Amino acid sequence: MTPRTVNGPPPPNAPGHKWRILAKAGDETVELEDRGVFDELVIDQWLHLEQMDERRWWMRVGDACNTIEILADGRAQVSIDRAMYENRPDPRLAAQSDAKEP
């Protein structure tokens, strides 16, 4: 049985239709490939990739915020903003500070 998306299979040239994820769990390998259009990946707090609309993705890698737009000719246009997350308050530090106050 071929996996299908809710609205049917994506067009063969749809951005995000070719993808692969490989994970290891001990001796077991988990692999997914080309099952619909890729939508989201989150790893811990330092990597987040998410499809925002048909031709645009948003990605966080560490302190960088990246926007990826797939142009009509298939090229990727990428903008990168650094230090987007490093100036945010760290909730662990706030909790430690609150615990020390009388």
C-alpha atoms as a PDB file:
ATOM      1  CA  MET A   1       0.000   0.000   0.000  1.00  0.00           C
ATOM      2  CA  THR A   2       1.399   3.413  -0.997  1.00  0.00           C
ATOM      3  CA  PRO A   3       1.182   6.112   1.725  1.00  0.00           C
ATOM      4  CA  ARG A   4      -1.044   9.031   0.737  1.00  0.00           C
ATOM      5  CA  THR A   5      -1.618  12.419   2.258  1.00  0.00           C
ATOM      6  CA  VAL A   6      -5.107  13.470   3.335  1.00  0.00           C
ATOM      7  CA  ASN A   7      -5.657  15.351   0.067  1.00  0.00           C
ATOM      8  CA  GLY A   8      -3.968  12.781  -2.164  1.00  0.00           C
ATOM      9  CA  PRO A   9      -0.324  12.429  -3.139  1.00  0.00           C
ATOM     10  CA  PRO A  10       1.763  15.569  -3.620  1.00  0.00           C
ATOM     11  CA  PRO A  11       2.705  16.599  -7.140  1.00  0.00           C
ATOM     12  CA  PRO A  12       6.060  15.030  -8.079  1.00  0.00           C
ATOM     13  CA  ASN A  13       7.760  18.447  -8.128  1.00  0.00           C
ATOM     14  CA  ALA A  14       6.216  19.826  -4.902  1.00  0.00           C
ATOM     15  CA  PRO A  15       8.847  21.336  -2.584  1.00  0.00           C
ATOM     16  CA  GLY A  16       9.452  18.916   0.277  1.00  0.00           C
ATOM     17  CA  HIS A  17       8.281  15.763  -1.501  1.00  0.00           C
ATOM     18  CA  LYS A  18      11.755  14.141  -1.427  1.00  0.00           C
ATOM     19  CA  TRP A  19      13.042  13.539   2.099  1.00  0.00           C
ATOM     20  CA  ARG A  20      14.539  10.896   4.387  1.00  0.00           C
ATOM     21  CA  ILE A  21      14.822  10.421   8.148  1.00  0.00           C
ATOM     22  CA  LEU A  22      17.025   7.769   9.737  1.00  0.00           C
ATOM     23  CA  ALA A  23      17.145   7.075  13.475  1.00  0.00           C
ATOM     24  CA  LYS A  24      18.771   4.395  15.601  1.00  0.00           C
ATOM     25  CA  ALA A  25      17.302   2.749  18.707  1.00  0.00           C
ATOM     26  CA  GLY A  26      19.898   0.278  19.934  1.00  0.00           C
ATOM     27  CA  ASP A  27      20.234  -2.348  17.210  1.00  0.00           C
ATOM     28  CA  GLU A  28      17.013  -1.211  15.525  1.00  0.00           C
ATOM     29  CA  THR A  29      16.977   1.214  12.598  1.00  0.00           C
ATOM     30  CA  VAL A  30      13.950   3.404  11.957  1.00  0.00           C
ATOM     31  CA  GLU A  31      13.755   4.926   8.487  1.00  0.00           C
ATOM     32  CA  LEU A  32      11.080   6.986   6.760  1.00  0.00           C
ATOM     33  CA  GLU A  33      11.360   8.225   3.204  1.00  0.00           C
ATOM     34  CA  ASP A  34       9.111  10.196   0.838  1.00  0.00           C
ATOM     35  CA  ARG A  35       5.852   9.628   2.723  1.00  0.00           C
ATOM     36  CA  GLY A  36       3.922  12.737   1.777  1.00  0.00           C
ATOM     37  CA  VAL A  37       5.385  16.236   1.887  1.00  0.00           C
ATOM     38  CA  PHE A  38       7.823  16.817   4.752  1.00  0.00           C
ATOM     39  CA  ASP A  39       6.266  19.023   7.440  1.00  0.00           C
ATOM     40  CA  GLU A  40       8.218  19.196  10.714  1.00  0.00           C
ATOM     41  CA  LEU A  41      11.294  17.940  12.563  1.00  0.00           C
ATOM     42  CA  VAL A  42      12.206  18.836  16.153  1.00  0.00           C
ATOM     43  CA  ILE A  43      15.335  17.667  17.982  1.00  0.00           C
ATOM     44  CA  ASP A  44      15.714  18.811  21.585  1.00  0.00           C
ATOM     45  CA  GLN A  45      15.715  22.629  21.854  1.00  0.00           C
ATOM     46  CA  TRP A  46      18.410  23.373  19.263  1.00  0.00           C
ATOM     47  CA  LEU A  47      16.910  22.160  15.959  1.00  0.00           C
ATOM     48  CA  HIS A  48      13.427  22.819  14.613  1.00  0.00           C
ATOM     49  CA  LEU A  49      12.442  22.672  10.940  1.00  0.00           C
ATOM     50  CA  GLU A  50       8.832  23.349   9.967  1.00  0.00           C
ATOM     51  CA  GLN A  51       6.966  23.904   6.720  1.00  0.00           C
ATOM     52  CA  MET A  52       5.058  27.194   6.952  1.00  0.00           C
ATOM     53  CA  ASP A  53       3.311  27.023   3.571  1.00  0.00           C
ATOM     54  CA  GLU A  54       3.787  25.240   0.257  1.00  0.00           C
ATOM     55  CA  ARG A  55       7.064  26.983  -0.641  1.00  0.00           C
ATOM     56  CA  ARG A  56       8.372  28.319   2.684  1.00  0.00           C
ATOM     57  CA  TRP A  57      10.087  26.658   5.648  1.00  0.00           C
ATOM     58  CA  TRP A  58      11.266  28.072   8.960  1.00  0.00           C
ATOM     59  CA  MET A  59      14.252  26.577  10.785  1.00  0.00           C
ATOM     60  CA  ARG A  60      15.973  27.145  14.106  1.00  0.00           C
ATOM     61  CA  VAL A  61      19.509  25.850  14.498  1.00  0.00           C
ATOM     62  CA  GLY A  62      21.003  26.881  17.830  1.00  0.00           C
ATOM     63  CA  ASP A  63      20.793  30.673  17.978  1.00  0.00           C
ATOM     64  CA  ALA A  64      20.068  31.078  14.243  1.00  0.00           C
ATOM     65  CA  CYS A  65      16.649  31.600  12.704  1.00  0.00           C
ATOM     66  CA  ASN A  66      16.524  30.608   9.035  1.00  0.00           C
ATOM     67  CA  THR A  67      13.795  31.159   6.495  1.00  0.00           C
ATOM     68  CA  ILE A  68      13.924  29.037   3.347  1.00  0.00           C
ATOM     69  CA  GLU A  69      11.773  29.883   0.346  1.00  0.00           C
ATOM     70  CA  ILE A  70      11.662  27.602  -2.690  1.00  0.00           C
ATOM     71  CA  LEU A  71      11.474  29.737  -5.837  1.00  0.00           C
ATOM     72  CA  ALA A  72       9.406  28.785  -8.893  1.00  0.00           C
ATOM     73  CA  ASP A  73      12.544  27.469 -10.639  1.00  0.00           C
ATOM     74  CA  GLY A  74      13.293  25.144  -7.685  1.00  0.00           C
ATOM     75  CA  ARG A  75      16.182  27.146  -6.192  1.00  0.00           C
ATOM     76  CA  ALA A  76      16.247  27.752  -2.450  1.00  0.00           C
ATOM     77  CA  GLN A  77      16.468  31.340  -1.204  1.00  0.00           C
ATOM     78  CA  VAL A  78      17.740  31.382   2.388  1.00  0.00           C
ATOM     79  CA  SER A  79      17.850  34.182   4.946  1.00  0.00           C
ATOM     80  CA  ILE A  80      19.735  33.702   8.216  1.00  0.00           C
ATOM     81  CA  ASP A  81      19.350  35.809  11.359  1.00  0.00           C
ATOM     82  CA  ARG A  82      21.900  35.088  14.097  1.00  0.00           C
ATOM     83  CA  ALA A  83      21.612  35.557  17.864  1.00  0.00           C
ATOM     84  CA  MET A  84      17.848  35.230  17.698  1.00  0.00           C
ATOM     85  CA  TYR A  85      17.618  33.072  20.803  1.00  0.00           C
ATOM     86  CA  GLU A  86      20.728  33.757  22.881  1.00  0.00           C
ATOM     87  CA  ASN A  87      19.309  36.961  24.445  1.00  0.00           C
ATOM     88  CA  ARG A  88      16.147  35.313  25.707  1.00  0.00           C
ATOM     89  CA  PRO A  89      15.936  34.750  29.458  1.00  0.00           C
ATOM     90  CA  ASP A  90      16.920  31.250  30.491  1.00  0.00           C
ATOM     91  CA  PRO A  91      14.019  29.887  32.588  1.00  0.00           C
ATOM     92  CA  ARG A  92      16.452  27.709  34.587  1.00  0.00           C
ATOM     93  CA  LEU A  93      18.382  30.799  35.703  1.00  0.00           C
ATOM     94  CA  ALA A  94      15.172  32.636  36.568  1.00  0.00           C
ATOM     95  CA  ALA A  95      14.040  29.693  38.713  1.00  0.00           C
ATOM     96  CA  GLN A  96      17.403  29.633  40.530  1.00  0.00           C
ATOM     97  CA  SER A  97      17.208  33.384  41.142  1.00  0.00           C
ATOM     98  CA  ASP A  98      13.632  33.130  42.479  1.00  0.00           C
ATOM     99  CA  ALA A  99      14.679  30.324  44.841  1.00  0.00           C
ATOM    100  CA  LYS A 100      17.471  32.475  46.346  1.00  0.00           C
ATOM    101  CA  GLU A 101      15.268  35.494  47.104  1.00  0.00           C
ATOM    102  CA  PRO A 102      13.976  35.676  50.747  1.00  0.00           C
END
